């Protein structure tokens, strides 16, 4: 393992209700004890969560002192709206962005920036080095790309436009990540490529989302999860999921990844369990001991 204390980061979505807000805050505070490099906050289709995203981003810093990174989407936005939002973040000391094309709102076409590469270029040209820009990449091929080669070239273009780092879509095959990184390096891409990690806590939601985003669930995993799901055995799903994701992360860390980015779904338990299995919960233990 190249780094005994790899960078951790955690992704959240803006809660929609008081109950969801309580779940988010509990997860935020429990995961903050692991001293992550930053916490990111998603941005709904067409900017539907813009105000809530901004509120959660500012709240993370105030409540935990941890750097927060808002997602910025180019879908269904005017350039004036994006500039106003970026100016607001800049004035509040936000230094890291996750820049994405974003999900298309139902019944809507492209936003003012058709692709993430256009938004990355716009931000870099207007704000210089004020922001550290993360972009997305897809070890198993973006579902809308014609070929894996096209997908890789799109990623290369985002890096050329000014991206500083990348976070992958989640996957369950370490080989797909390492192959993707090797292919990106062969094209001259030299930025950190952090694997995105999805804890497994249920089958139905994971299967549905994986189909939408193009992430493959290996057959040997899917069959076990579905069998337990069919009989309502959530305990076995959670236990097996913890084992699978822990082993995946262990292989990634042994291969020298720069960090792990967890898609928490505003829950801490599964992510904490994996980090504990990997020995990455030491900051939490130290905080408790003090």
C-alpha atoms as a PDB file:
ATOM      1  CA  UNK A   1       0.000   0.000   0.000  1.00  0.00           C
ATOM      2  CA  UNK A   2       1.507   3.305  -1.062  1.00  0.00           C
ATOM      3  CA  UNK A   3      -0.104   5.441   1.646  1.00  0.00           C
ATOM      4  CA  UNK A   4      -1.134   4.055   5.067  1.00  0.00           C
ATOM      5  CA  UNK A   5      -3.635   6.897   5.502  1.00  0.00           C
ATOM      6  CA  UNK A   6      -5.280   7.454   2.103  1.00  0.00           C
ATOM      7  CA  UNK A   7      -7.523  10.426   1.473  1.00  0.00           C
ATOM      8  CA  UNK A   8     -11.153   9.823   2.352  1.00  0.00           C
ATOM      9  CA  UNK A   9     -14.105  11.814   1.025  1.00  0.00           C
ATOM     10  CA  UNK A  10     -17.845  11.388   1.466  1.00  0.00           C
ATOM     11  CA  UNK A  11     -20.752  12.357  -0.763  1.00  0.00           C
ATOM     12  CA  UNK A  12     -24.185  13.463   0.466  1.00  0.00           C
ATOM     13  CA  UNK A  13     -27.404  14.650  -1.162  1.00  0.00           C
ATOM     14  CA  UNK A  14     -29.483  17.608   0.080  1.00  0.00           C
ATOM     15  CA  UNK A  15     -32.240  16.323   2.415  1.00  0.00           C
ATOM     16  CA  UNK A  16     -35.824  17.096   1.438  1.00  0.00           C
ATOM     17  CA  UNK A  17     -37.561  16.829   4.822  1.00  0.00           C
ATOM     18  CA  UNK A  18     -36.917  17.325   8.519  1.00  0.00           C
ATOM     19  CA  UNK A  19     -36.566  13.566   8.949  1.00  0.00           C
ATOM     20  CA  UNK A  20     -34.038  13.345   6.126  1.00  0.00           C
ATOM     21  CA  UNK A  21     -32.242  16.359   7.566  1.00  0.00           C
ATOM     22  CA  UNK A  22     -31.796  14.565  10.876  1.00  0.00           C
ATOM     23  CA  UNK A  23     -30.438  11.439   9.134  1.00  0.00           C
ATOM     24  CA  UNK A  24     -28.031  13.527   7.099  1.00  0.00           C
ATOM     25  CA  UNK A  25     -26.712  15.447  10.101  1.00  0.00           C
ATOM     26  CA  UNK A  26     -26.129  12.263  12.078  1.00  0.00           C
ATOM     27  CA  UNK A  27     -24.282  10.715   9.151  1.00  0.00           C
ATOM     28  CA  UNK A  28     -22.301  13.900   8.549  1.00  0.00           C
ATOM     29  CA  UNK A  29     -21.135  14.108  12.142  1.00  0.00           C
ATOM     30  CA  UNK A  30     -20.271  10.413  12.454  1.00  0.00           C
ATOM     31  CA  UNK A  31     -18.252  10.455   9.235  1.00  0.00           C
ATOM     32  CA  UNK A  32     -16.600  13.780  10.098  1.00  0.00           C
ATOM     33  CA  UNK A  33     -14.844  11.923  12.928  1.00  0.00           C
ATOM     34  CA  UNK A  34     -12.796  10.090  10.274  1.00  0.00           C
ATOM     35  CA  UNK A  35     -11.208  13.434   9.258  1.00  0.00           C
ATOM     36  CA  UNK A  36     -12.027  13.240   5.531  1.00  0.00           C
ATOM     37  CA  UNK A  37     -10.312  15.557   3.090  1.00  0.00           C
ATOM     38  CA  UNK A  38     -13.714  16.927   2.090  1.00  0.00           C
ATOM     39  CA  UNK A  39     -17.434  16.192   1.850  1.00  0.00           C
ATOM     40  CA  UNK A  40     -19.281  16.733  -1.413  1.00  0.00           C
ATOM     41  CA  UNK A  41     -22.939  17.627  -1.917  1.00  0.00           C
ATOM     42  CA  UNK A  42     -24.938  16.688  -4.998  1.00  0.00           C
ATOM     43  CA  UNK A  43     -26.934  18.999  -7.254  1.00  0.00           C
ATOM     44  CA  UNK A  44     -30.397  17.911  -8.439  1.00  0.00           C
ATOM     45  CA  UNK A  45     -31.519  17.645 -12.049  1.00  0.00           C
ATOM     46  CA  UNK A  46     -31.890  21.069 -13.620  1.00  0.00           C
ATOM     47  CA  UNK A  47     -30.669  22.810 -10.478  1.00  0.00           C
ATOM     48  CA  UNK A  48     -33.701  21.592  -8.531  1.00  0.00           C
ATOM     49  CA  UNK A  49     -31.733  21.469  -5.272  1.00  0.00           C
ATOM     50  CA  UNK A  50     -29.550  24.526  -5.777  1.00  0.00           C
ATOM     51  CA  UNK A  51     -30.584  26.387  -2.634  1.00  0.00           C
ATOM     52  CA  UNK A  52     -30.548  23.251  -0.491  1.00  0.00           C
ATOM     53  CA  UNK A  53     -27.172  22.218  -1.899  1.00  0.00           C
ATOM     54  CA  UNK A  54     -25.739  25.627  -1.034  1.00  0.00           C
ATOM     55  CA  UNK A  55     -27.216  25.517   2.474  1.00  0.00           C
ATOM     56  CA  UNK A  56     -25.785  22.052   3.145  1.00  0.00           C
ATOM     57  CA  UNK A  57     -22.380  23.019   1.741  1.00  0.00           C
ATOM     58  CA  UNK A  58     -22.098  26.033   4.039  1.00  0.00           C
ATOM     59  CA  UNK A  59     -23.457  24.023   6.964  1.00  0.00           C
ATOM     60  CA  UNK A  60     -20.808  21.325   6.624  1.00  0.00           C
ATOM     61  CA  UNK A  61     -18.032  23.818   7.169  1.00  0.00           C
ATOM     62  CA  UNK A  62     -19.812  25.523  10.044  1.00  0.00           C
ATOM     63  CA  UNK A  63     -20.691  22.277  11.863  1.00  0.00           C
ATOM     64  CA  UNK A  64     -17.522  20.241  11.246  1.00  0.00           C
ATOM     65  CA  UNK A  65     -14.742  22.491   9.972  1.00  0.00           C
ATOM     66  CA  UNK A  66     -14.310  20.088   7.062  1.00  0.00           C
ATOM     67  CA  UNK A  67     -13.991  21.382   3.515  1.00  0.00           C
ATOM     68  CA  UNK A  68     -17.191  21.068   1.490  1.00  0.00           C
ATOM     69  CA  UNK A  69     -17.349  20.623  -2.274  1.00  0.00           C
ATOM     70  CA  UNK A  70     -20.601  21.473  -4.068  1.00  0.00           C
ATOM     71  CA  UNK A  71     -21.547  19.703  -7.270  1.00  0.00           C
ATOM     72  CA  UNK A  72     -22.019  22.130 -10.140  1.00  0.00           C
ATOM     73  CA  UNK A  73     -24.163  21.035 -13.063  1.00  0.00           C
ATOM     74  CA  UNK A  74     -24.510  22.614 -16.486  1.00  0.00           C
ATOM     75  CA  UNK A  75     -28.059  21.337 -17.065  1.00  0.00           C
ATOM     76  CA  UNK A  76     -31.018  23.762 -17.381  1.00  0.00           C
ATOM     77  CA  UNK A  77     -28.993  26.722 -16.136  1.00  0.00           C
ATOM     78  CA  UNK A  78     -28.246  30.116 -17.618  1.00  0.00           C
ATOM     79  CA  UNK A  79     -24.647  31.258 -17.514  1.00  0.00           C
ATOM     80  CA  UNK A  80     -25.758  34.179 -15.297  1.00  0.00           C
ATOM     81  CA  UNK A  81     -27.183  31.768 -12.745  1.00  0.00           C
ATOM     82  CA  UNK A  82     -24.014  29.687 -12.739  1.00  0.00           C
ATOM     83  CA  UNK A  83     -21.822  32.775 -12.349  1.00  0.00           C
ATOM     84  CA  UNK A  84     -23.960  34.026  -9.458  1.00  0.00           C
ATOM     85  CA  UNK A  85     -23.693  30.639  -7.745  1.00  0.00           C
ATOM     86  CA  UNK A  86     -19.942  30.374  -8.281  1.00  0.00           C
ATOM     87  CA  UNK A  87     -19.398  33.948  -7.087  1.00  0.00           C
ATOM     88  CA  UNK A  88     -21.359  33.092  -3.952  1.00  0.00           C
ATOM     89  CA  UNK A  89     -19.274  29.998  -3.301  1.00  0.00           C
ATOM     90  CA  UNK A  90     -16.046  31.878  -3.956  1.00  0.00           C
ATOM     91  CA  UNK A  91     -17.005  34.687  -1.577  1.00  0.00           C
ATOM     92  CA  UNK A  92     -17.738  32.102   1.140  1.00  0.00           C
ATOM     93  CA  UNK A  93     -14.333  30.496   0.801  1.00  0.00           C
ATOM     94  CA  UNK A  94     -15.360  27.360  -1.116  1.00  0.00           C
ATOM     95  CA  UNK A  95     -12.274  26.119  -2.924  1.00  0.00           C
ATOM     96  CA  UNK A  96     -13.301  22.761  -4.394  1.00  0.00           C
ATOM     97  CA  UNK A  97     -15.998  21.941  -6.968  1.00  0.00           C
ATOM     98  CA  UNK A  98     -17.298  18.719  -8.475  1.00  0.00           C
ATOM     99  CA  UNK A  99     -18.226  19.692 -12.036  1.00  0.00           C
ATOM    100  CA  UNK A 100     -20.672  17.466 -13.905  1.00  0.00           C
ATOM    101  CA  UNK A 101     -22.992  17.625 -16.877  1.00  0.00           C
ATOM    102  CA  UNK A 102     -25.756  16.531 -14.533  1.00  0.00           C
ATOM    103  CA  UNK A 103     -28.981  14.636 -15.053  1.00  0.00           C
ATOM    104  CA  UNK A 104     -31.312  16.039 -17.673  1.00  0.00           C
ATOM    105  CA  UNK A 105     -34.593  17.243 -16.169  1.00  0.00           C
ATOM    106  CA  UNK A 106     -37.627  15.382 -17.459  1.00  0.00           C
ATOM    107  CA  UNK A 107     -38.820  16.878 -20.741  1.00  0.00           C
ATOM    108  CA  UNK A 108     -35.827  19.199 -21.041  1.00  0.00           C
ATOM    109  CA  UNK A 109     -32.910  19.374 -23.424  1.00  0.00           C
ATOM    110  CA  UNK A 110     -29.376  20.456 -22.763  1.00  0.00           C
ATOM    111  CA  UNK A 111     -28.466  23.356 -20.524  1.00  0.00           C
ATOM    112  CA  UNK A 112     -26.439  26.386 -21.496  1.00  0.00           C
ATOM    113  CA  UNK A 113     -23.320  24.203 -21.381  1.00  0.00           C
ATOM    114  CA  UNK A 114     -23.961  20.982 -23.316  1.00  0.00           C
ATOM    115  CA  UNK A 115     -21.233  18.966 -21.611  1.00  0.00           C
ATOM    116  CA  UNK A 116     -19.134  19.046 -18.480  1.00  0.00           C
ATOM    117  CA  UNK A 117     -16.015  19.869 -20.498  1.00  0.00           C
ATOM    118  CA  UNK A 118     -17.639  23.167 -21.542  1.00  0.00           C
ATOM    119  CA  UNK A 119     -18.439  24.068 -17.951  1.00  0.00           C
ATOM    120  CA  UNK A 120     -14.934  23.128 -16.763  1.00  0.00           C
ATOM    121  CA  UNK A 121     -13.433  25.366 -19.440  1.00  0.00           C
ATOM    122  CA  UNK A 122     -15.782  28.238 -18.535  1.00  0.00           C
ATOM    123  CA  UNK A 123     -14.954  28.028 -14.819  1.00  0.00           C
ATOM    124  CA  UNK A 124     -11.220  27.817 -15.443  1.00  0.00           C
ATOM    125  CA  UNK A 125     -11.237  30.766 -17.858  1.00  0.00           C
ATOM    126  CA  UNK A 126     -13.349  32.963 -15.569  1.00  0.00           C
ATOM    127  CA  UNK A 127     -11.947  32.033 -12.158  1.00  0.00           C
ATOM    128  CA  UNK A 128      -8.415  30.878 -12.933  1.00  0.00           C
ATOM    129  CA  UNK A 129      -7.075  28.688 -10.127  1.00  0.00           C
ATOM    130  CA  UNK A 130      -9.607  29.846  -7.535  1.00  0.00           C
ATOM    131  CA  UNK A 131     -11.238  26.399  -7.510  1.00  0.00           C
ATOM    132  CA  UNK A 132      -9.877  22.865  -7.428  1.00  0.00           C
ATOM    133  CA  UNK A 133     -12.051  21.144 -10.024  1.00  0.00           C
ATOM    134  CA  UNK A 134     -13.039  17.492  -9.789  1.00  0.00           C
ATOM    135  CA  UNK A 135     -14.771  15.763 -12.702  1.00  0.00           C
ATOM    136  CA  UNK A 136     -16.437  12.393 -13.197  1.00  0.00           C
ATOM    137  CA  UNK A 137     -15.069   9.424 -15.114  1.00  0.00           C
ATOM    138  CA  UNK A 138     -16.397   5.979 -15.902  1.00  0.00           C
ATOM    139  CA  UNK A 139     -14.228   2.852 -15.647  1.00  0.00           C
ATOM    140  CA  UNK A 140     -17.046   0.752 -17.092  1.00  0.00           C
ATOM    141  CA  UNK A 141     -18.119   3.167 -19.839  1.00  0.00           C
ATOM    142  CA  UNK A 142     -20.664   5.994 -19.649  1.00  0.00           C
ATOM    143  CA  UNK A 143     -24.076   4.674 -20.802  1.00  0.00           C
ATOM    144  CA  UNK A 144     -24.450   7.493 -23.348  1.00  0.00           C
ATOM    145  CA  UNK A 145     -21.008   7.117 -24.939  1.00  0.00           C
ATOM    146  CA  UNK A 146     -20.829   5.261 -28.235  1.00  0.00           C
ATOM    147  CA  UNK A 147     -17.688   3.351 -27.325  1.00  0.00           C
ATOM    148  CA  UNK A 148     -15.262   3.074 -24.389  1.00  0.00           C
ATOM    149  CA  UNK A 149     -12.686   4.870 -26.549  1.00  0.00           C
ATOM    150  CA  UNK A 150     -15.032   7.824 -27.005  1.00  0.00           C
ATOM    151  CA  UNK A 151     -15.689   7.880 -23.282  1.00  0.00           C
ATOM    152  CA  UNK A 152     -11.969   7.946 -22.532  1.00  0.00           C
ATOM    153  CA  UNK A 153     -11.416  10.791 -24.996  1.00  0.00           C
ATOM    154  CA  UNK A 154     -14.212  12.759 -23.319  1.00  0.00           C
ATOM    155  CA  UNK A 155     -12.438  12.324 -20.003  1.00  0.00           C
ATOM    156  CA  UNK A 156      -9.142  13.387 -21.553  1.00  0.00           C
ATOM    157  CA  UNK A 157     -10.853  16.536 -22.888  1.00  0.00           C
ATOM    158  CA  UNK A 158     -12.128  17.478 -19.419  1.00  0.00           C
ATOM    159  CA  UNK A 159      -8.613  17.164 -18.062  1.00  0.00           C
ATOM    160  CA  UNK A 160      -7.245  19.295 -20.893  1.00  0.00           C
ATOM    161  CA  UNK A 161      -9.933  21.905 -20.138  1.00  0.00           C
ATOM    162  CA  UNK A 162      -8.628  22.304 -16.596  1.00  0.00           C
ATOM    163  CA  UNK A 163      -9.775  19.486 -14.294  1.00  0.00           C
ATOM    164  CA  UNK A 164      -7.472  18.928 -11.310  1.00  0.00           C
ATOM    165  CA  UNK A 165      -8.809  15.541 -10.214  1.00  0.00           C
ATOM    166  CA  UNK A 166     -11.430  12.929 -11.009  1.00  0.00           C
ATOM    167  CA  UNK A 167     -13.865  10.706  -9.144  1.00  0.00           C
ATOM    168  CA  UNK A 168     -15.068   7.530 -10.805  1.00  0.00           C
ATOM    169  CA  UNK A 169     -18.542   6.141 -11.073  1.00  0.00           C
ATOM    170  CA  UNK A 170     -18.832   3.263  -8.625  1.00  0.00           C
ATOM    171  CA  UNK A 171     -17.872  -0.241  -9.694  1.00  0.00           C
ATOM    172  CA  UNK A 172     -17.370  -3.642  -8.109  1.00  0.00           C
ATOM    173  CA  UNK A 173     -14.422  -4.887 -10.159  1.00  0.00           C
ATOM    174  CA  UNK A 174     -11.012  -3.546  -9.165  1.00  0.00           C
ATOM    175  CA  UNK A 175      -9.645  -4.689 -12.522  1.00  0.00           C
ATOM    176  CA  UNK A 176     -11.963  -2.306 -14.375  1.00  0.00           C
ATOM    177  CA  UNK A 177     -10.578   0.617 -12.364  1.00  0.00           C
ATOM    178  CA  UNK A 178      -6.918  -0.272 -12.850  1.00  0.00           C
ATOM    179  CA  UNK A 179      -7.411  -0.898 -16.567  1.00  0.00           C
ATOM    180  CA  UNK A 180      -9.157   2.455 -16.953  1.00  0.00           C
ATOM    181  CA  UNK A 181      -6.366   4.282 -15.114  1.00  0.00           C
ATOM    182  CA  UNK A 182      -3.724   2.588 -17.275  1.00  0.00           C
ATOM    183  CA  UNK A 183      -5.589   3.610 -20.428  1.00  0.00           C
ATOM    184  CA  UNK A 184      -5.983   7.189 -19.180  1.00  0.00           C
ATOM    185  CA  UNK A 185      -2.281   7.400 -18.321  1.00  0.00           C
ATOM    186  CA  UNK A 186      -1.411   6.162 -21.817  1.00  0.00           C
ATOM    187  CA  UNK A 187      -3.204   9.252 -23.167  1.00  0.00           C
ATOM    188  CA  UNK A 188      -1.216  11.561 -20.923  1.00  0.00           C
ATOM    189  CA  UNK A 189      -3.852  12.007 -18.207  1.00  0.00           C
ATOM    190  CA  UNK A 190      -1.858  12.542 -15.004  1.00  0.00           C
ATOM    191  CA  UNK A 191      -4.419  13.867 -12.506  1.00  0.00           C
ATOM    192  CA  UNK A 192      -5.475  11.831  -9.442  1.00  0.00           C
ATOM    193  CA  UNK A 193      -8.279   9.391 -10.277  1.00  0.00           C
ATOM    194  CA  UNK A 194     -10.108   8.514  -7.060  1.00  0.00           C
ATOM    195  CA  UNK A 195     -12.372   5.447  -7.094  1.00  0.00           C
ATOM    196  CA  UNK A 196     -15.987   6.029  -6.161  1.00  0.00           C
ATOM    197  CA  UNK A 197     -17.274   3.453  -3.675  1.00  0.00           C
ATOM    198  CA  UNK A 198     -20.922   2.458  -3.245  1.00  0.00           C
ATOM    199  CA  UNK A 199     -21.703   0.582  -0.021  1.00  0.00           C
ATOM    200  CA  UNK A 200     -24.190  -2.256  -0.520  1.00  0.00           C
ATOM    201  CA  UNK A 201     -27.182  -2.137   1.822  1.00  0.00           C
ATOM    202  CA  UNK A 202     -30.053  -3.261  -0.434  1.00  0.00           C
ATOM    203  CA  UNK A 203     -30.522  -4.946  -3.784  1.00  0.00           C
ATOM    204  CA  UNK A 204     -33.507  -3.328  -5.484  1.00  0.00           C
ATOM    205  CA  UNK A 205     -32.248   0.246  -5.320  1.00  0.00           C
ATOM    206  CA  UNK A 206     -28.716  -0.749  -6.254  1.00  0.00           C
ATOM    207  CA  UNK A 207     -29.895  -2.739  -9.280  1.00  0.00           C
ATOM    208  CA  UNK A 208     -32.121   0.094 -10.494  1.00  0.00           C
ATOM    209  CA  UNK A 209     -29.488   2.783 -10.126  1.00  0.00           C
ATOM    210  CA  UNK A 210     -26.745   0.617 -11.612  1.00  0.00           C
ATOM    211  CA  UNK A 211     -28.827   0.077 -14.722  1.00  0.00           C
ATOM    212  CA  UNK A 212     -29.360   3.826 -15.079  1.00  0.00           C
ATOM    213  CA  UNK A 213     -25.720   4.836 -14.638  1.00  0.00           C
ATOM    214  CA  UNK A 214     -24.035   1.931 -16.427  1.00  0.00           C
ATOM    215  CA  UNK A 215     -22.347   0.379 -13.387  1.00  0.00           C
ATOM    216  CA  UNK A 216     -22.092  -3.391 -13.626  1.00  0.00           C
ATOM    217  CA  UNK A 217     -23.013  -5.635 -10.708  1.00  0.00           C
ATOM    218  CA  UNK A 218     -21.069  -8.876 -11.247  1.00  0.00           C
ATOM    219  CA  UNK A 219     -23.399 -11.842 -11.660  1.00  0.00           C
ATOM    220  CA  UNK A 220     -22.035 -13.678  -8.615  1.00  0.00           C
ATOM    221  CA  UNK A 221     -22.854 -10.652  -6.463  1.00  0.00           C
ATOM    222  CA  UNK A 222     -26.230  -9.912  -8.050  1.00  0.00           C
ATOM    223  CA  UNK A 223     -27.529 -13.488  -7.673  1.00  0.00           C
ATOM    224  CA  UNK A 224     -26.723 -13.609  -3.976  1.00  0.00           C
ATOM    225  CA  UNK A 225     -28.229 -10.206  -3.295  1.00  0.00           C
ATOM    226  CA  UNK A 226     -31.406 -11.014  -5.216  1.00  0.00           C
ATOM    227  CA  UNK A 227     -31.855 -14.339  -3.419  1.00  0.00           C
ATOM    228  CA  UNK A 228     -31.711 -12.627  -0.029  1.00  0.00           C
ATOM    229  CA  UNK A 229     -33.870  -9.772  -1.267  1.00  0.00           C
ATOM    230  CA  UNK A 230     -36.553 -12.225  -2.426  1.00  0.00           C
ATOM    231  CA  UNK A 231     -36.940 -13.568   1.124  1.00  0.00           C
ATOM    232  CA  UNK A 232     -36.524 -10.228   2.865  1.00  0.00           C
ATOM    233  CA  UNK A 233     -33.188 -11.125   4.464  1.00  0.00           C
ATOM    234  CA  UNK A 234     -31.718  -7.642   4.776  1.00  0.00           C
ATOM    235  CA  UNK A 235     -29.217  -8.710   7.428  1.00  0.00           C
ATOM    236  CA  UNK A 236     -27.503 -11.075   4.975  1.00  0.00           C
ATOM    237  CA  UNK A 237     -27.479  -8.388   2.272  1.00  0.00           C
ATOM    238  CA  UNK A 238     -25.787  -5.897   4.605  1.00  0.00           C
ATOM    239  CA  UNK A 239     -23.254  -8.441   5.895  1.00  0.00           C
ATOM    240  CA  UNK A 240     -22.379  -9.701   2.422  1.00  0.00           C
ATOM    241  CA  UNK A 241     -22.254  -6.169   1.041  1.00  0.00           C
ATOM    242  CA  UNK A 242     -19.825  -5.124   3.750  1.00  0.00           C
ATOM    243  CA  UNK A 243     -17.580  -8.072   2.921  1.00  0.00           C
ATOM    244  CA  UNK A 244     -17.643  -7.402  -0.831  1.00  0.00           C
ATOM    245  CA  UNK A 245     -17.005  -3.658  -0.580  1.00  0.00           C
ATOM    246  CA  UNK A 246     -14.285  -4.090   2.049  1.00  0.00           C
ATOM    247  CA  UNK A 247     -12.418  -6.543  -0.171  1.00  0.00           C
ATOM    248  CA  UNK A 248     -12.817  -4.231  -3.168  1.00  0.00           C
ATOM    249  CA  UNK A 249     -11.390  -1.293  -1.215  1.00  0.00           C
ATOM    250  CA  UNK A 250      -8.549  -3.413   0.126  1.00  0.00           C
ATOM    251  CA  UNK A 251      -7.522  -4.374  -3.399  1.00  0.00           C
ATOM    252  CA  UNK A 252      -7.725  -0.757  -4.516  1.00  0.00           C
ATOM    253  CA  UNK A 253      -5.617   0.466  -1.606  1.00  0.00           C
ATOM    254  CA  UNK A 254      -3.057  -2.276  -2.177  1.00  0.00           C
ATOM    255  CA  UNK A 255      -2.885  -1.061  -5.776  1.00  0.00           C
ATOM    256  CA  UNK A 256      -1.975   2.459  -4.673  1.00  0.00           C
ATOM    257  CA  UNK A 257      -5.158   4.477  -5.244  1.00  0.00           C
ATOM    258  CA  UNK A 258      -4.956   8.119  -4.091  1.00  0.00           C
ATOM    259  CA  UNK A 259      -8.042   7.799  -1.925  1.00  0.00           C
ATOM    260  CA  UNK A 260     -11.583   6.486  -1.599  1.00  0.00           C
ATOM    261  CA  UNK A 261     -14.741   8.501  -2.268  1.00  0.00           C
ATOM    262  CA  UNK A 262     -17.836   6.989  -0.646  1.00  0.00           C
ATOM    263  CA  UNK A 263     -21.355   7.531  -1.970  1.00  0.00           C
ATOM    264  CA  UNK A 264     -22.983   7.504   1.457  1.00  0.00           C
ATOM    265  CA  UNK A 265     -26.656   8.008   0.501  1.00  0.00           C
ATOM    266  CA  UNK A 266     -26.797  10.094   3.698  1.00  0.00           C
ATOM    267  CA  UNK A 267     -26.161   7.061   5.893  1.00  0.00           C
ATOM    268  CA  UNK A 268     -22.998   6.403   7.890  1.00  0.00           C
ATOM    269  CA  UNK A 269     -23.245   2.818   9.120  1.00  0.00           C
ATOM    270  CA  UNK A 270     -22.149   0.917   6.001  1.00  0.00           C
ATOM    271  CA  UNK A 271     -19.347   3.348   5.162  1.00  0.00           C
ATOM    272  CA  UNK A 272     -18.075   3.333   8.743  1.00  0.00           C
ATOM    273  CA  UNK A 273     -18.090  -0.477   8.771  1.00  0.00           C
ATOM    274  CA  UNK A 274     -15.929  -0.659   5.642  1.00  0.00           C
ATOM    275  CA  UNK A 275     -13.531   1.991   6.956  1.00  0.00           C
ATOM    276  CA  UNK A 276     -13.287   0.143  10.261  1.00  0.00           C
ATOM    277  CA  UNK A 277     -12.478  -3.122   8.477  1.00  0.00           C
ATOM    278  CA  UNK A 278      -9.724  -1.335   6.573  1.00  0.00           C
ATOM    279  CA  UNK A 279      -8.291   0.318   9.676  1.00  0.00           C
ATOM    280  CA  UNK A 280      -9.277   3.751   8.378  1.00  0.00           C
ATOM    281  CA  UNK A 281     -11.374   4.654  11.419  1.00  0.00           C
ATOM    282  CA  UNK A 282      -8.362   5.536  13.556  1.00  0.00           C
ATOM    283  CA  UNK A 283      -9.136   9.269  13.517  1.00  0.00           C
ATOM    284  CA  UNK A 284     -12.567   8.411  14.966  1.00  0.00           C
ATOM    285  CA  UNK A 285     -10.985   6.258  17.671  1.00  0.00           C
ATOM    286  CA  UNK A 286      -8.480   8.967  18.511  1.00  0.00           C
ATOM    287  CA  UNK A 287     -11.261  11.551  18.788  1.00  0.00           C
ATOM    288  CA  UNK A 288     -13.215   9.253  21.106  1.00  0.00           C
ATOM    289  CA  UNK A 289     -10.154   8.580  23.276  1.00  0.00           C
ATOM    290  CA  UNK A 290      -9.438  12.274  23.664  1.00  0.00           C
END
